[in-house]
């Protein structure tokens, strides 16, 4: 989004589609 970029990392196991959001 304008001024915010987040990389998506899937972390499977807690739920099938669990994701983490990474802000460098």
PDBML (XML) file of the C-alpha atoms, coordinates in Angstrom:
<?xml version="1.0" encoding="UTF-8" ?>
<PDBx:datablock datablockName="MODEL"
   xmlns:PDBx="http://pdbml.pdb.org/schema/pdbx-v50.xsd"
   xmlns:xsi="http://www.w3.org/2001/XMLSchema-instance"
   xsi:schemaLocation="http://pdbml.pdb.org/schema/pdbx-v50.xsd pdbx-v50.xsd">
   <PDBx:atom_siteCategory>
      <PDBx:atom_site id="1">
         <PDBx:B_iso_or_equiv>0.00</PDBx:B_iso_or_equiv>
         <PDBx:Cartn_x>0.000</PDBx:Cartn_x>
         <PDBx:Cartn_y>0.000</PDBx:Cartn_y>
         <PDBx:Cartn_z>0.000</PDBx:Cartn_z>
         <PDBx:auth_asym_id>A</PDBx:auth_asym_id>
         <PDBx:auth_atom_id>CA</PDBx:auth_atom_id>
         <PDBx:auth_comp_id>UNK</PDBx:auth_comp_id>
         <PDBx:auth_seq_id>1</PDBx:auth_seq_id>
         <PDBx:group_PDB>ATOM</PDBx:group_PDB>
         <PDBx:label_alt_id xsi:nil="true" />
         <PDBx:label_asym_id>A</PDBx:label_asym_id>
         <PDBx:label_atom_id>CA</PDBx:label_atom_id>
         <PDBx:label_comp_id>UNK</PDBx:label_comp_id>
         <PDBx:label_entity_id>1</PDBx:label_entity_id>
         <PDBx:label_seq_id>1</PDBx:label_seq_id>
         <PDBx:occupancy>1.00</PDBx:occupancy>
         <PDBx:pdbx_PDB_model_num>1</PDBx:pdbx_PDB_model_num>
         <PDBx:type_symbol>C</PDBx:type_symbol>
      </PDBx:atom_site>
      <PDBx:atom_site id="2">
         <PDBx:B_iso_or_equiv>0.00</PDBx:B_iso_or_equiv>
         <PDBx:Cartn_x>1.192</PDBx:Cartn_x>
         <PDBx:Cartn_y>3.602</PDBx:Cartn_y>
         <PDBx:Cartn_z>-0.226</PDBx:Cartn_z>
         <PDBx:auth_asym_id>A</PDBx:auth_asym_id>
         <PDBx:auth_atom_id>CA</PDBx:auth_atom_id>
         <PDBx:auth_comp_id>UNK</PDBx:auth_comp_id>
         <PDBx:auth_seq_id>2</PDBx:auth_seq_id>
         <PDBx:group_PDB>ATOM</PDBx:group_PDB>
         <PDBx:label_alt_id xsi:nil="true" />
         <PDBx:label_asym_id>A</PDBx:label_asym_id>
         <PDBx:label_atom_id>CA</PDBx:label_atom_id>
         <PDBx:label_comp_id>UNK</PDBx:label_comp_id>
         <PDBx:label_entity_id>1</PDBx:label_entity_id>
         <PDBx:label_seq_id>2</PDBx:label_seq_id>
         <PDBx:occupancy>1.00</PDBx:occupancy>
         <PDBx:pdbx_PDB_model_num>1</PDBx:pdbx_PDB_model_num>
         <PDBx:type_symbol>C</PDBx:type_symbol>
      </PDBx:atom_site>
      <PDBx:atom_site id="3">
         <PDBx:B_iso_or_equiv>0.00</PDBx:B_iso_or_equiv>
         <PDBx:Cartn_x>4.116</PDBx:Cartn_x>
         <PDBx:Cartn_y>3.654</PDBx:Cartn_y>
         <PDBx:Cartn_z>2.166</PDBx:Cartn_z>
         <PDBx:auth_asym_id>A</PDBx:auth_asym_id>
         <PDBx:auth_atom_id>CA</PDBx:auth_atom_id>
         <PDBx:auth_comp_id>UNK</PDBx:auth_comp_id>
         <PDBx:auth_seq_id>3</PDBx:auth_seq_id>
         <PDBx:group_PDB>ATOM</PDBx:group_PDB>
         <PDBx:label_alt_id xsi:nil="true" />
         <PDBx:label_asym_id>A</PDBx:label_asym_id>
         <PDBx:label_atom_id>CA</PDBx:label_atom_id>
         <PDBx:label_comp_id>UNK</PDBx:label_comp_id>
         <PDBx:label_entity_id>1</PDBx:label_entity_id>
         <PDBx:label_seq_id>3</PDBx:label_seq_id>
         <PDBx:occupancy>1.00</PDBx:occupancy>
         <PDBx:pdbx_PDB_model_num>1</PDBx:pdbx_PDB_model_num>
         <PDBx:type_symbol>C</PDBx:type_symbol>
      </PDBx:atom_site>
      <PDBx:atom_site id="4">
         <PDBx:B_iso_or_equiv>0.00</PDBx:B_iso_or_equiv>
         <PDBx:Cartn_x>3.669</PDBx:Cartn_x>
         <PDBx:Cartn_y>0.134</PDBx:Cartn_y>
         <PDBx:Cartn_z>3.585</PDBx:Cartn_z>
         <PDBx:auth_asym_id>A</PDBx:auth_asym_id>
         <PDBx:auth_atom_id>CA</PDBx:auth_atom_id>
         <PDBx:auth_comp_id>UNK</PDBx:auth_comp_id>
         <PDBx:auth_seq_id>4</PDBx:auth_seq_id>
         <PDBx:group_PDB>ATOM</PDBx:group_PDB>
         <PDBx:label_alt_id xsi:nil="true" />
         <PDBx:label_asym_id>A</PDBx:label_asym_id>
         <PDBx:label_atom_id>CA</PDBx:label_atom_id>
         <PDBx:label_comp_id>UNK</PDBx:label_comp_id>
         <PDBx:label_entity_id>1</PDBx:label_entity_id>
         <PDBx:label_seq_id>4</PDBx:label_seq_id>
         <PDBx:occupancy>1.00</PDBx:occupancy>
         <PDBx:pdbx_PDB_model_num>1</PDBx:pdbx_PDB_model_num>
         <PDBx:type_symbol>C</PDBx:type_symbol>
      </PDBx:atom_site>
      <PDBx:atom_site id="5">
         <PDBx:B_iso_or_equiv>0.00</PDBx:B_iso_or_equiv>
         <PDBx:Cartn_x>4.995</PDBx:Cartn_x>
         <PDBx:Cartn_y>-3.066</PDBx:Cartn_y>
         <PDBx:Cartn_z>2.025</PDBx:Cartn_z>
         <PDBx:auth_asym_id>A</PDBx:auth_asym_id>
         <PDBx:auth_atom_id>CA</PDBx:auth_atom_id>
         <PDBx:auth_comp_id>UNK</PDBx:auth_comp_id>
         <PDBx:auth_seq_id>5</PDBx:auth_seq_id>
         <PDBx:group_PDB>ATOM</PDBx:group_PDB>
         <PDBx:label_alt_id xsi:nil="true" />
         <PDBx:label_asym_id>A</PDBx:label_asym_id>
         <PDBx:label_atom_id>CA</PDBx:label_atom_id>
         <PDBx:label_comp_id>UNK</PDBx:label_comp_id>
         <PDBx:label_entity_id>1</PDBx:label_entity_id>
         <PDBx:label_seq_id>5</PDBx:label_seq_id>
         <PDBx:occupancy>1.00</PDBx:occupancy>
         <PDBx:pdbx_PDB_model_num>1</PDBx:pdbx_PDB_model_num>
         <PDBx:type_symbol>C</PDBx:type_symbol>
      </PDBx:atom_site>
      <PDBx:atom_site id="6">
         <PDBx:B_iso_or_equiv>0.00</PDBx:B_iso_or_equiv>
         <PDBx:Cartn_x>4.715</PDBx:Cartn_x>
         <PDBx:Cartn_y>-6.432</PDBx:Cartn_y>
         <PDBx:Cartn_z>3.787</PDBx:Cartn_z>
         <PDBx:auth_asym_id>A</PDBx:auth_asym_id>
         <PDBx:auth_atom_id>CA</PDBx:auth_atom_id>
         <PDBx:auth_comp_id>UNK</PDBx:auth_comp_id>
         <PDBx:auth_seq_id>6</PDBx:auth_seq_id>
         <PDBx:group_PDB>ATOM</PDBx:group_PDB>
         <PDBx:label_alt_id xsi:nil="true" />
         <PDBx:label_asym_id>A</PDBx:label_asym_id>
         <PDBx:label_atom_id>CA</PDBx:label_atom_id>
         <PDBx:label_comp_id>UNK</PDBx:label_comp_id>
         <PDBx:label_entity_id>1</PDBx:label_entity_id>
         <PDBx:label_seq_id>6</PDBx:label_seq_id>
         <PDBx:occupancy>1.00</PDBx:occupancy>
         <PDBx:pdbx_PDB_model_num>1</PDBx:pdbx_PDB_model_num>
         <PDBx:type_symbol>C</PDBx:type_symbol>
      </PDBx:atom_site>
      <PDBx:atom_site id="7">
         <PDBx:B_iso_or_equiv>0.00</PDBx:B_iso_or_equiv>
         <PDBx:Cartn_x>6.172</PDBx:Cartn_x>
         <PDBx:Cartn_y>-9.735</PDBx:Cartn_y>
         <PDBx:Cartn_z>2.618</PDBx:Cartn_z>
         <PDBx:auth_asym_id>A</PDBx:auth_asym_id>
         <PDBx:auth_atom_id>CA</PDBx:auth_atom_id>
         <PDBx:auth_comp_id>UNK</PDBx:auth_comp_id>
         <PDBx:auth_seq_id>7</PDBx:auth_seq_id>
         <PDBx:group_PDB>ATOM</PDBx:group_PDB>
         <PDBx:label_alt_id xsi:nil="true" />
         <PDBx:label_asym_id>A</PDBx:label_asym_id>
         <PDBx:label_atom_id>CA</PDBx:label_atom_id>
         <PDBx:label_comp_id>UNK</PDBx:label_comp_id>
         <PDBx:label_entity_id>1</PDBx:label_entity_id>
         <PDBx:label_seq_id>7</PDBx:label_seq_id>
         <PDBx:occupancy>1.00</PDBx:occupancy>
         <PDBx:pdbx_PDB_model_num>1</PDBx:pdbx_PDB_model_num>
         <PDBx:type_symbol>C</PDBx:type_symbol>
      </PDBx:atom_site>
      <PDBx:atom_site id="8">
         <PDBx:B_iso_or_equiv>0.00</PDBx:B_iso_or_equiv>
         <PDBx:Cartn_x>4.010</PDBx:Cartn_x>
         <PDBx:Cartn_y>-12.805</PDBx:Cartn_y>
         <PDBx:Cartn_z>3.213</PDBx:Cartn_z>
         <PDBx:auth_asym_id>A</PDBx:auth_asym_id>
         <PDBx:auth_atom_id>CA</PDBx:auth_atom_id>
         <PDBx:auth_comp_id>UNK</PDBx:auth_comp_id>
         <PDBx:auth_seq_id>8</PDBx:auth_seq_id>
         <PDBx:group_PDB>ATOM</PDBx:group_PDB>
         <PDBx:label_alt_id xsi:nil="true" />
         <PDBx:label_asym_id>A</PDBx:label_asym_id>
         <PDBx:label_atom_id>CA</PDBx:label_atom_id>
         <PDBx:label_comp_id>UNK</PDBx:label_comp_id>
         <PDBx:label_entity_id>1</PDBx:label_entity_id>
         <PDBx:label_seq_id>8</PDBx:label_seq_id>
         <PDBx:occupancy>1.00</PDBx:occupancy>
         <PDBx:pdbx_PDB_model_num>1</PDBx:pdbx_PDB_model_num>
         <PDBx:type_symbol>C</PDBx:type_symbol>
      </PDBx:atom_site>
      <PDBx:atom_site id="9">
         <PDBx:B_iso_or_equiv>0.00</PDBx:B_iso_or_equiv>
         <PDBx:Cartn_x>5.461</PDBx:Cartn_x>
         <PDBx:Cartn_y>-15.961</PDBx:Cartn_y>
         <PDBx:Cartn_z>4.769</PDBx:Cartn_z>
         <PDBx:auth_asym_id>A</PDBx:auth_asym_id>
         <PDBx:auth_atom_id>CA</PDBx:auth_atom_id>
         <PDBx:auth_comp_id>UNK</PDBx:auth_comp_id>
         <PDBx:auth_seq_id>9</PDBx:auth_seq_id>
         <PDBx:group_PDB>ATOM</PDBx:group_PDB>
         <PDBx:label_alt_id xsi:nil="true" />
         <PDBx:label_asym_id>A</PDBx:label_asym_id>
         <PDBx:label_atom_id>CA</PDBx:label_atom_id>
         <PDBx:label_comp_id>UNK</PDBx:label_comp_id>
         <PDBx:label_entity_id>1</PDBx:label_entity_id>
         <PDBx:label_seq_id>9</PDBx:label_seq_id>
         <PDBx:occupancy>1.00</PDBx:occupancy>
         <PDBx:pdbx_PDB_model_num>1</PDBx:pdbx_PDB_model_num>
         <PDBx:type_symbol>C</PDBx:type_symbol>
      </PDBx:atom_site>
      <PDBx:atom_site id="10">
         <PDBx:B_iso_or_equiv>0.00</PDBx:B_iso_or_equiv>
         <PDBx:Cartn_x>3.251</PDBx:Cartn_x>
         <PDBx:Cartn_y>-19.026</PDBx:Cartn_y>
         <PDBx:Cartn_z>5.087</PDBx:Cartn_z>
         <PDBx:auth_asym_id>A</PDBx:auth_asym_id>
         <PDBx:auth_atom_id>CA</PDBx:auth_atom_id>
         <PDBx:auth_comp_id>UNK</PDBx:auth_comp_id>
         <PDBx:auth_seq_id>10</PDBx:auth_seq_id>
         <PDBx:group_PDB>ATOM</PDBx:group_PDB>
         <PDBx:label_alt_id xsi:nil="true" />
         <PDBx:label_asym_id>A</PDBx:label_asym_id>
         <PDBx:label_atom_id>CA</PDBx:label_atom_id>
         <PDBx:label_comp_id>UNK</PDBx:label_comp_id>
         <PDBx:label_entity_id>1</PDBx:label_entity_id>
         <PDBx:label_seq_id>10</PDBx:label_seq_id>
         <PDBx:occupancy>1.00</PDBx:occupancy>
         <PDBx:pdbx_PDB_model_num>1</PDBx:pdbx_PDB_model_num>
         <PDBx:type_symbol>C</PDBx:type_symbol>
      </PDBx:atom_site>
      <PDBx:atom_site id="11">
         <PDBx:B_iso_or_equiv>0.00</PDBx:B_iso_or_equiv>
         <PDBx:Cartn_x>3.824</PDBx:Cartn_x>
         <PDBx:Cartn_y>-20.951</PDBx:Cartn_y>
         <PDBx:Cartn_z>8.326</PDBx:Cartn_z>
         <PDBx:auth_asym_id>A</PDBx:auth_asym_id>
         <PDBx:auth_atom_id>CA</PDBx:auth_atom_id>
         <PDBx:auth_comp_id>UNK</PDBx:auth_comp_id>
         <PDBx:auth_seq_id>11</PDBx:auth_seq_id>
         <PDBx:group_PDB>ATOM</PDBx:group_PDB>
         <PDBx:label_alt_id xsi:nil="true" />
         <PDBx:label_asym_id>A</PDBx:label_asym_id>
         <PDBx:label_atom_id>CA</PDBx:label_atom_id>
         <PDBx:label_comp_id>UNK</PDBx:label_comp_id>
         <PDBx:label_entity_id>1</PDBx:label_entity_id>
         <PDBx:label_seq_id>11</PDBx:label_seq_id>
         <PDBx:occupancy>1.00</PDBx:occupancy>
         <PDBx:pdbx_PDB_model_num>1</PDBx:pdbx_PDB_model_num>
         <PDBx:type_symbol>C</PDBx:type_symbol>
      </PDBx:atom_site>
      <PDBx:atom_site id="12">
         <PDBx:B_iso_or_equiv>0.00</PDBx:B_iso_or_equiv>
         <PDBx:Cartn_x>1.827</PDBx:Cartn_x>
         <PDBx:Cartn_y>-24.166</PDBx:Cartn_y>
         <PDBx:Cartn_z>7.965</PDBx:Cartn_z>
         <PDBx:auth_asym_id>A</PDBx:auth_asym_id>
         <PDBx:auth_atom_id>CA</PDBx:auth_atom_id>
         <PDBx:auth_comp_id>UNK</PDBx:auth_comp_id>
         <PDBx:auth_seq_id>12</PDBx:auth_seq_id>
         <PDBx:group_PDB>ATOM</PDBx:group_PDB>
         <PDBx:label_alt_id xsi:nil="true" />
         <PDBx:label_asym_id>A</PDBx:label_asym_id>
         <PDBx:label_atom_id>CA</PDBx:label_atom_id>
         <PDBx:label_comp_id>UNK</PDBx:label_comp_id>
         <PDBx:label_entity_id>1</PDBx:label_entity_id>
         <PDBx:label_seq_id>12</PDBx:label_seq_id>
         <PDBx:occupancy>1.00</PDBx:occupancy>
         <PDBx:pdbx_PDB_model_num>1</PDBx:pdbx_PDB_model_num>
         <PDBx:type_symbol>C</PDBx:type_symbol>
      </PDBx:atom_site>
      <PDBx:atom_site id="13">
         <PDBx:B_iso_or_equiv>0.00</PDBx:B_iso_or_equiv>
         <PDBx:Cartn_x>0.725</PDBx:Cartn_x>
         <PDBx:Cartn_y>-26.122</PDBx:Cartn_y>
         <PDBx:Cartn_z>11.012</PDBx:Cartn_z>
         <PDBx:auth_asym_id>A</PDBx:auth_asym_id>
         <PDBx:auth_atom_id>CA</PDBx:auth_atom_id>
         <PDBx:auth_comp_id>UNK</PDBx:auth_comp_id>
         <PDBx:auth_seq_id>13</PDBx:auth_seq_id>
         <PDBx:group_PDB>ATOM</PDBx:group_PDB>
         <PDBx:label_alt_id xsi:nil="true" />
         <PDBx:label_asym_id>A</PDBx:label_asym_id>
         <PDBx:label_atom_id>CA</PDBx:label_atom_id>
         <PDBx:label_comp_id>UNK</PDBx:label_comp_id>
         <PDBx:label_entity_id>1</PDBx:label_entity_id>
         <PDBx:label_seq_id>13</PDBx:label_seq_id>
         <PDBx:occupancy>1.00</PDBx:occupancy>
         <PDBx:pdbx_PDB_model_num>1</PDBx:pdbx_PDB_model_num>
         <PDBx:type_symbol>C</PDBx:type_symbol>
      </PDBx:atom_site>
      <PDBx:atom_site id="14">
         <PDBx:B_iso_or_equiv>0.00</PDBx:B_iso_or_equiv>
         <PDBx:Cartn_x>-1.185</PDBx:Cartn_x>
         <PDBx:Cartn_y>-23.987</PDBx:Cartn_y>
         <PDBx:Cartn_z>13.490</PDBx:Cartn_z>
         <PDBx:auth_asym_id>A</PDBx:auth_asym_id>
         <PDBx:auth_atom_id>CA</PDBx:auth_atom_id>
         <PDBx:auth_comp_id>UNK</PDBx:auth_comp_id>
         <PDBx:auth_seq_id>14</PDBx:auth_seq_id>
         <PDBx:group_PDB>ATOM</PDBx:group_PDB>
         <PDBx:label_alt_id xsi:nil="true" />
         <PDBx:label_asym_id>A</PDBx:label_asym_id>
         <PDBx:label_atom_id>CA</PDBx:label_atom_id>
         <PDBx:label_comp_id>UNK</PDBx:label_comp_id>
         <PDBx:label_entity_id>1</PDBx:label_entity_id>
         <PDBx:label_seq_id>14</PDBx:label_seq_id>
         <PDBx:occupancy>1.00</PDBx:occupancy>
         <PDBx:pdbx_PDB_model_num>1</PDBx:pdbx_PDB_model_num>
         <PDBx:type_symbol>C</PDBx:type_symbol>
      </PDBx:atom_site>
      <PDBx:atom_site id="15">
         <PDBx:B_iso_or_equiv>0.00</PDBx:B_iso_or_equiv>
         <PDBx:Cartn_x>-3.738</PDBx:Cartn_x>
         <PDBx:Cartn_y>-23.715</PDBx:Cartn_y>
         <PDBx:Cartn_z>10.700</PDBx:Cartn_z>
         <PDBx:auth_asym_id>A</PDBx:auth_asym_id>
         <PDBx:auth_atom_id>CA</PDBx:auth_atom_id>
         <PDBx:auth_comp_id>UNK</PDBx:auth_comp_id>
         <PDBx:auth_seq_id>15</PDBx:auth_seq_id>
         <PDBx:group_PDB>ATOM</PDBx:group_PDB>
         <PDBx:label_alt_id xsi:nil="true" />
         <PDBx:label_asym_id>A</PDBx:label_asym_id>
         <PDBx:label_atom_id>CA</PDBx:label_atom_id>
         <PDBx:label_comp_id>UNK</PDBx:label_comp_id>
         <PDBx:label_entity_id>1</PDBx:label_entity_id>
         <PDBx:label_seq_id>15</PDBx:label_seq_id>
         <PDBx:occupancy>1.00</PDBx:occupancy>
         <PDBx:pdbx_PDB_model_num>1</PDBx:pdbx_PDB_model_num>
         <PDBx:type_symbol>C</PDBx:type_symbol>
      </PDBx:atom_site>
      <PDBx:atom_site id="16">
         <PDBx:B_iso_or_equiv>0.00</PDBx:B_iso_or_equiv>
         <PDBx:Cartn_x>-3.212</PDBx:Cartn_x>
         <PDBx:Cartn_y>-24.690</PDBx:Cartn_y>
         <PDBx:Cartn_z>7.050</PDBx:Cartn_z>
         <PDBx:auth_asym_id>A</PDBx:auth_asym_id>
         <PDBx:auth_atom_id>CA</PDBx:auth_atom_id>
         <PDBx:auth_comp_id>UNK</PDBx:auth_comp_id>
         <PDBx:auth_seq_id>16</PDBx:auth_seq_id>
         <PDBx:group_PDB>ATOM</PDBx:group_PDB>
         <PDBx:label_alt_id xsi:nil="true" />
         <PDBx:label_asym_id>A</PDBx:label_asym_id>
         <PDBx:label_atom_id>CA</PDBx:label_atom_id>
         <PDBx:label_comp_id>UNK</PDBx:label_comp_id>
         <PDBx:label_entity_id>1</PDBx:label_entity_id>
         <PDBx:label_seq_id>16</PDBx:label_seq_id>
         <PDBx:occupancy>1.00</PDBx:occupancy>
         <PDBx:pdbx_PDB_model_num>1</PDBx:pdbx_PDB_model_num>
         <PDBx:type_symbol>C</PDBx:type_symbol>
      </PDBx:atom_site>
      <PDBx:atom_site id="17">
         <PDBx:B_iso_or_equiv>0.00</PDBx:B_iso_or_equiv>
         <PDBx:Cartn_x>-3.215</PDBx:Cartn_x>
         <PDBx:Cartn_y>-21.074</PDBx:Cartn_y>
         <PDBx:Cartn_z>5.876</PDBx:Cartn_z>
         <PDBx:auth_asym_id>A</PDBx:auth_asym_id>
         <PDBx:auth_atom_id>CA</PDBx:auth_atom_id>
         <PDBx:auth_comp_id>UNK</PDBx:auth_comp_id>
         <PDBx:auth_seq_id>17</PDBx:auth_seq_id>
         <PDBx:group_PDB>ATOM</PDBx:group_PDB>
         <PDBx:label_alt_id xsi:nil="true" />
         <PDBx:label_asym_id>A</PDBx:label_asym_id>
         <PDBx:label_atom_id>CA</PDBx:label_atom_id>
         <PDBx:label_comp_id>UNK</PDBx:label_comp_id>
         <PDBx:label_entity_id>1</PDBx:label_entity_id>
         <PDBx:label_seq_id>17</PDBx:label_seq_id>
         <PDBx:occupancy>1.00</PDBx:occupancy>
         <PDBx:pdbx_PDB_model_num>1</PDBx:pdbx_PDB_model_num>
         <PDBx:type_symbol>C</PDBx:type_symbol>
      </PDBx:atom_site>
      <PDBx:atom_site id="18">
         <PDBx:B_iso_or_equiv>0.00</PDBx:B_iso_or_equiv>
         <PDBx:Cartn_x>-1.406</PDBx:Cartn_x>
         <PDBx:Cartn_y>-19.311</PDBx:Cartn_y>
         <PDBx:Cartn_z>8.714</PDBx:Cartn_z>
         <PDBx:auth_asym_id>A</PDBx:auth_asym_id>
         <PDBx:auth_atom_id>CA</PDBx:auth_atom_id>
         <PDBx:auth_comp_id>UNK</PDBx:auth_comp_id>
         <PDBx:auth_seq_id>18</PDBx:auth_seq_id>
         <PDBx:group_PDB>ATOM</PDBx:group_PDB>
         <PDBx:label_alt_id xsi:nil="true" />
         <PDBx:label_asym_id>A</PDBx:label_asym_id>
         <PDBx:label_atom_id>CA</PDBx:label_atom_id>
         <PDBx:label_comp_id>UNK</PDBx:label_comp_id>
         <PDBx:label_entity_id>1</PDBx:label_entity_id>
         <PDBx:label_seq_id>18</PDBx:label_seq_id>
         <PDBx:occupancy>1.00</PDBx:occupancy>
         <PDBx:pdbx_PDB_model_num>1</PDBx:pdbx_PDB_model_num>
         <PDBx:type_symbol>C</PDBx:type_symbol>
      </PDBx:atom_site>
      <PDBx:atom_site id="19">
         <PDBx:B_iso_or_equiv>0.00</PDBx:B_iso_or_equiv>
         <PDBx:Cartn_x>0.742</PDBx:Cartn_x>
         <PDBx:Cartn_y>-16.463</PDBx:Cartn_y>
         <PDBx:Cartn_z>7.445</PDBx:Cartn_z>
         <PDBx:auth_asym_id>A</PDBx:auth_asym_id>
         <PDBx:auth_atom_id>CA</PDBx:auth_atom_id>
         <PDBx:auth_comp_id>UNK</PDBx:auth_comp_id>
         <PDBx:auth_seq_id>19</PDBx:auth_seq_id>
         <PDBx:group_PDB>ATOM</PDBx:group_PDB>
         <PDBx:label_alt_id xsi:nil="true" />
         <PDBx:label_asym_id>A</PDBx:label_asym_id>
         <PDBx:label_atom_id>CA</PDBx:label_atom_id>
         <PDBx:label_comp_id>UNK</PDBx:label_comp_id>
         <PDBx:label_entity_id>1</PDBx:label_entity_id>
         <PDBx:label_seq_id>19</PDBx:label_seq_id>
         <PDBx:occupancy>1.00</PDBx:occupancy>
         <PDBx:pdbx_PDB_model_num>1</PDBx:pdbx_PDB_model_num>
         <PDBx:type_symbol>C</PDBx:type_symbol>
      </PDBx:atom_site>
      <PDBx:atom_site id="20">
         <PDBx:B_iso_or_equiv>0.00</PDBx:B_iso_or_equiv>
         <PDBx:Cartn_x>3.215</PDBx:Cartn_x>
         <PDBx:Cartn_y>-14.011</PDBx:Cartn_y>
         <PDBx:Cartn_z>8.911</PDBx:Cartn_z>
         <PDBx:auth_asym_id>A</PDBx:auth_asym_id>
         <PDBx:auth_atom_id>CA</PDBx:auth_atom_id>
         <PDBx:auth_comp_id>UNK</PDBx:auth_comp_id>
         <PDBx:auth_seq_id>20</PDBx:auth_seq_id>
         <PDBx:group_PDB>ATOM</PDBx:group_PDB>
         <PDBx:label_alt_id xsi:nil="true" />
         <PDBx:label_asym_id>A</PDBx:label_asym_id>
         <PDBx:label_atom_id>CA</PDBx:label_atom_id>
         <PDBx:label_comp_id>UNK</PDBx:label_comp_id>
         <PDBx:label_entity_id>1</PDBx:label_entity_id>
         <PDBx:label_seq_id>20</PDBx:label_seq_id>
         <PDBx:occupancy>1.00</PDBx:occupancy>
         <PDBx:pdbx_PDB_model_num>1</PDBx:pdbx_PDB_model_num>
         <PDBx:type_symbol>C</PDBx:type_symbol>
      </PDBx:atom_site>
      <PDBx:atom_site id="21">
         <PDBx:B_iso_or_equiv>0.00</PDBx:B_iso_or_equiv>
         <PDBx:Cartn_x>3.717</PDBx:Cartn_x>
         <PDBx:Cartn_y>-10.457</PDBx:Cartn_y>
         <PDBx:Cartn_z>7.671</PDBx:Cartn_z>
         <PDBx:auth_asym_id>A</PDBx:auth_asym_id>
         <PDBx:auth_atom_id>CA</PDBx:auth_atom_id>
         <PDBx:auth_comp_id>UNK</PDBx:auth_comp_id>
         <PDBx:auth_seq_id>21</PDBx:auth_seq_id>
         <PDBx:group_PDB>ATOM</PDBx:group_PDB>
         <PDBx:label_alt_id xsi:nil="true" />
         <PDBx:label_asym_id>A</PDBx:label_asym_id>
         <PDBx:label_atom_id>CA</PDBx:label_atom_id>
         <PDBx:label_comp_id>UNK</PDBx:label_comp_id>
         <PDBx:label_entity_id>1</PDBx:label_entity_id>
         <PDBx:label_seq_id>21</PDBx:label_seq_id>
         <PDBx:occupancy>1.00</PDBx:occupancy>
         <PDBx:pdbx_PDB_model_num>1</PDBx:pdbx_PDB_model_num>
         <PDBx:type_symbol>C</PDBx:type_symbol>
      </PDBx:atom_site>
      <PDBx:atom_site id="22">
         <PDBx:B_iso_or_equiv>0.00</PDBx:B_iso_or_equiv>
         <PDBx:Cartn_x>7.255</PDBx:Cartn_x>
         <PDBx:Cartn_y>-9.115</PDBx:Cartn_y>
         <PDBx:Cartn_z>7.364</PDBx:Cartn_z>
         <PDBx:auth_asym_id>A</PDBx:auth_asym_id>
         <PDBx:auth_atom_id>CA</PDBx:auth_atom_id>
         <PDBx:auth_comp_id>UNK</PDBx:auth_comp_id>
         <PDBx:auth_seq_id>22</PDBx:auth_seq_id>
         <PDBx:group_PDB>ATOM</PDBx:group_PDB>
         <PDBx:label_alt_id xsi:nil="true" />
         <PDBx:label_asym_id>A</PDBx:label_asym_id>
         <PDBx:label_atom_id>CA</PDBx:label_atom_id>
         <PDBx:label_comp_id>UNK</PDBx:label_comp_id>
         <PDBx:label_entity_id>1</PDBx:label_entity_id>
         <PDBx:label_seq_id>22</PDBx:label_seq_id>
         <PDBx:occupancy>1.00</PDBx:occupancy>
         <PDBx:pdbx_PDB_model_num>1</PDBx:pdbx_PDB_model_num>
         <PDBx:type_symbol>C</PDBx:type_symbol>
      </PDBx:atom_site>
      <PDBx:atom_site id="23">
         <PDBx:B_iso_or_equiv>0.00</PDBx:B_iso_or_equiv>
         <PDBx:Cartn_x>8.095</PDBx:Cartn_x>
         <PDBx:Cartn_y>-5.409</PDBx:Cartn_y>
         <PDBx:Cartn_z>7.505</PDBx:Cartn_z>
         <PDBx:auth_asym_id>A</PDBx:auth_asym_id>
         <PDBx:auth_atom_id>CA</PDBx:auth_atom_id>
         <PDBx:auth_comp_id>UNK</PDBx:auth_comp_id>
         <PDBx:auth_seq_id>23</PDBx:auth_seq_id>
         <PDBx:group_PDB>ATOM</PDBx:group_PDB>
         <PDBx:label_alt_id xsi:nil="true" />
         <PDBx:label_asym_id>A</PDBx:label_asym_id>
         <PDBx:label_atom_id>CA</PDBx:label_atom_id>
         <PDBx:label_comp_id>UNK</PDBx:label_comp_id>
         <PDBx:label_entity_id>1</PDBx:label_entity_id>
         <PDBx:label_seq_id>23</PDBx:label_seq_id>
         <PDBx:occupancy>1.00</PDBx:occupancy>
         <PDBx:pdbx_PDB_model_num>1</PDBx:pdbx_PDB_model_num>
         <PDBx:type_symbol>C</PDBx:type_symbol>
      </PDBx:atom_site>
      <PDBx:atom_site id="24">
         <PDBx:B_iso_or_equiv>0.00</PDBx:B_iso_or_equiv>
         <PDBx:Cartn_x>11.765</PDBx:Cartn_x>
         <PDBx:Cartn_y>-4.754</PDBx:Cartn_y>
         <PDBx:Cartn_z>6.650</PDBx:Cartn_z>
         <PDBx:auth_asym_id>A</PDBx:auth_asym_id>
         <PDBx:auth_atom_id>CA</PDBx:auth_atom_id>
         <PDBx:auth_comp_id>UNK</PDBx:auth_comp_id>
         <PDBx:auth_seq_id>24</PDBx:auth_seq_id>
         <PDBx:group_PDB>ATOM</PDBx:group_PDB>
         <PDBx:label_alt_id xsi:nil="true" />
         <PDBx:label_asym_id>A</PDBx:label_asym_id>
         <PDBx:label_atom_id>CA</PDBx:label_atom_id>
         <PDBx:label_comp_id>UNK</PDBx:label_comp_id>
         <PDBx:label_entity_id>1</PDBx:label_entity_id>
         <PDBx:label_seq_id>24</PDBx:label_seq_id>
         <PDBx:occupancy>1.00</PDBx:occupancy>
         <PDBx:pdbx_PDB_model_num>1</PDBx:pdbx_PDB_model_num>
         <PDBx:type_symbol>C</PDBx:type_symbol>
      </PDBx:atom_site>
   </PDBx:atom_siteCategory>
</PDBx:datablock>
